[in-house]
């Protein structure tokens, strides 16, 4: 299944698991929020010539970088971020 159709597949599977009794509102809500975030973080800044409307929280970016063993964004700021460990290729490193 191509990535563009994956949310639709999730909806069909959710509908099938509910025996067609109710719509999988959690999946529909997730699709709406994902599309809204993409629109606000990618499309709107292109229209506004680079002015960001919404950005990923630095703490979340640091956490993902820490899990992958990369340097974190908060370097040089007071308080810093999580300590990095050398994962030796364990988690995508």
C-alpha atoms as a PDB file:
ATOM      1  CA  UNK A   1       0.000   0.000   0.000  1.00  0.00           C
ATOM      2  CA  UNK A   2       1.389   3.413  -0.930  1.00  0.00           C
ATOM      3  CA  UNK A   3       1.899   5.842   1.943  1.00  0.00           C
ATOM      4  CA  UNK A   4      -0.771   8.215   0.645  1.00  0.00           C
ATOM      5  CA  UNK A   5      -3.429   5.511   1.040  1.00  0.00           C
ATOM      6  CA  UNK A   6      -2.315   4.174   4.435  1.00  0.00           C
ATOM      7  CA  UNK A   7      -4.755   6.322   6.497  1.00  0.00           C
ATOM      8  CA  UNK A   8      -7.615   5.091   4.317  1.00  0.00           C
ATOM      9  CA  UNK A   9      -6.505   1.501   4.894  1.00  0.00           C
ATOM     10  CA  UNK A  10      -6.455   2.132   8.651  1.00  0.00           C
ATOM     11  CA  UNK A  11     -10.005   3.482   8.438  1.00  0.00           C
ATOM     12  CA  UNK A  12     -11.221   0.456   6.482  1.00  0.00           C
ATOM     13  CA  UNK A  13      -9.538  -1.935   8.933  1.00  0.00           C
ATOM     14  CA  UNK A  14     -10.995  -0.008  11.893  1.00  0.00           C
ATOM     15  CA  UNK A  15     -14.433  -0.129  10.306  1.00  0.00           C
ATOM     16  CA  UNK A  16     -14.076  -3.865   9.665  1.00  0.00           C
ATOM     17  CA  UNK A  17     -12.995  -4.535  13.267  1.00  0.00           C
ATOM     18  CA  UNK A  18     -16.081  -2.683  14.529  1.00  0.00           C
ATOM     19  CA  UNK A  19     -18.278  -4.859  12.265  1.00  0.00           C
ATOM     20  CA  UNK A  20     -19.358  -1.697  10.457  1.00  0.00           C
ATOM     21  CA  UNK A  21     -21.242  -0.446  13.521  1.00  0.00           C
ATOM     22  CA  UNK A  22     -19.353   2.811  14.005  1.00  0.00           C
ATOM     23  CA  UNK A  23     -16.739   4.930  12.302  1.00  0.00           C
ATOM     24  CA  UNK A  24     -13.218   4.741  13.732  1.00  0.00           C
ATOM     25  CA  UNK A  25     -13.270   8.324  15.026  1.00  0.00           C
ATOM     26  CA  UNK A  26      -9.810   8.053  16.611  1.00  0.00           C
ATOM     27  CA  UNK A  27      -8.275   7.329  13.197  1.00  0.00           C
ATOM     28  CA  UNK A  28     -10.284  10.097  11.515  1.00  0.00           C
ATOM     29  CA  UNK A  29      -9.226  12.520  14.273  1.00  0.00           C
ATOM     30  CA  UNK A  30      -5.569  11.495  13.862  1.00  0.00           C
ATOM     31  CA  UNK A  31      -5.734  12.038  10.091  1.00  0.00           C
ATOM     32  CA  UNK A  32      -7.261  15.486  10.584  1.00  0.00           C
ATOM     33  CA  UNK A  33      -4.629  16.527  13.153  1.00  0.00           C
ATOM     34  CA  UNK A  34      -1.806  15.191  10.964  1.00  0.00           C
ATOM     35  CA  UNK A  35      -3.051  17.074   7.920  1.00  0.00           C
ATOM     36  CA  UNK A  36      -3.528  20.261   9.960  1.00  0.00           C
ATOM     37  CA  UNK A  37       0.023  20.036  11.355  1.00  0.00           C
ATOM     38  CA  UNK A  38       1.468  19.428   7.874  1.00  0.00           C
ATOM     39  CA  UNK A  39      -0.471  22.382   6.462  1.00  0.00           C
ATOM     40  CA  UNK A  40       0.640  24.739   9.265  1.00  0.00           C
ATOM     41  CA  UNK A  41       4.278  23.606   9.278  1.00  0.00           C
ATOM     42  CA  UNK A  42       4.950  23.243   5.523  1.00  0.00           C
ATOM     43  CA  UNK A  43       2.338  24.942   3.331  1.00  0.00           C
ATOM     44  CA  UNK A  44       1.667  28.140   5.298  1.00  0.00           C
ATOM     45  CA  UNK A  45       5.400  29.079   5.691  1.00  0.00           C
ATOM     46  CA  UNK A  46       5.820  28.755   1.911  1.00  0.00           C
ATOM     47  CA  UNK A  47       2.946  31.171   1.387  1.00  0.00           C
ATOM     48  CA  UNK A  48       4.192  33.559   4.100  1.00  0.00           C
ATOM     49  CA  UNK A  49       7.757  33.497   2.684  1.00  0.00           C
ATOM     50  CA  UNK A  50       9.417  31.537   5.476  1.00  0.00           C
ATOM     51  CA  UNK A  51       7.514  32.790   8.524  1.00  0.00           C
ATOM     52  CA  UNK A  52       6.832  29.727  10.703  1.00  0.00           C
ATOM     53  CA  UNK A  53       3.376  29.339  12.190  1.00  0.00           C
ATOM     54  CA  UNK A  54       3.963  26.164  14.202  1.00  0.00           C
ATOM     55  CA  UNK A  55       7.142  24.252  15.014  1.00  0.00           C
ATOM     56  CA  UNK A  56       7.991  20.929  16.620  1.00  0.00           C
ATOM     57  CA  UNK A  57       8.833  21.397  20.320  1.00  0.00           C
ATOM     58  CA  UNK A  58      12.604  21.323  20.928  1.00  0.00           C
ATOM     59  CA  UNK A  59      12.118  18.829  23.764  1.00  0.00           C
ATOM     60  CA  UNK A  60      10.546  16.317  21.343  1.00  0.00           C
ATOM     61  CA  UNK A  61      13.313  16.843  18.776  1.00  0.00           C
ATOM     62  CA  UNK A  62      15.932  16.344  21.524  1.00  0.00           C
ATOM     63  CA  UNK A  63      14.228  13.160  22.691  1.00  0.00           C
ATOM     64  CA  UNK A  64      14.182  11.695  19.172  1.00  0.00           C
ATOM     65  CA  UNK A  65      17.819  12.686  18.610  1.00  0.00           C
ATOM     66  CA  UNK A  66      18.756  11.158  21.982  1.00  0.00           C
ATOM     67  CA  UNK A  67      17.023   7.884  21.068  1.00  0.00           C
ATOM     68  CA  UNK A  68      18.953   7.802  17.794  1.00  0.00           C
ATOM     69  CA  UNK A  69      22.258   8.769  19.428  1.00  0.00           C
ATOM     70  CA  UNK A  70      22.660  12.093  17.615  1.00  0.00           C
ATOM     71  CA  UNK A  71      23.558  15.536  18.979  1.00  0.00           C
ATOM     72  CA  UNK A  72      20.615  17.390  20.429  1.00  0.00           C
ATOM     73  CA  UNK A  73      19.224  20.784  19.486  1.00  0.00           C
ATOM     74  CA  UNK A  74      19.547  22.280  22.962  1.00  0.00           C
ATOM     75  CA  UNK A  75      23.396  22.373  22.825  1.00  0.00           C
ATOM     76  CA  UNK A  76      24.605  25.718  24.057  1.00  0.00           C
ATOM     77  CA  UNK A  77      21.437  26.623  25.923  1.00  0.00           C
ATOM     78  CA  UNK A  78      21.104  26.786  29.694  1.00  0.00           C
ATOM     79  CA  UNK A  79      19.765  23.520  31.031  1.00  0.00           C
ATOM     80  CA  UNK A  80      20.722  21.624  27.883  1.00  0.00           C
ATOM     81  CA  UNK A  81      18.877  18.468  26.989  1.00  0.00           C
ATOM     82  CA  UNK A  82      19.148  14.778  27.702  1.00  0.00           C
ATOM     83  CA  UNK A  83      22.608  13.249  27.872  1.00  0.00           C
ATOM     84  CA  UNK A  84      23.589  11.414  24.706  1.00  0.00           C
ATOM     85  CA  UNK A  85      24.865   7.862  24.775  1.00  0.00           C
ATOM     86  CA  UNK A  86      26.778   5.967  22.123  1.00  0.00           C
ATOM     87  CA  UNK A  87      24.297   3.350  20.962  1.00  0.00           C
ATOM     88  CA  UNK A  88      26.741   1.604  18.604  1.00  0.00           C
ATOM     89  CA  UNK A  89      24.114   1.027  15.960  1.00  0.00           C
ATOM     90  CA  UNK A  90      21.454  -0.281  18.347  1.00  0.00           C
ATOM     91  CA  UNK A  91      18.751   2.276  17.484  1.00  0.00           C
ATOM     92  CA  UNK A  92      19.338   3.497  13.951  1.00  0.00           C
ATOM     93  CA  UNK A  93      22.793   4.821  14.875  1.00  0.00           C
END
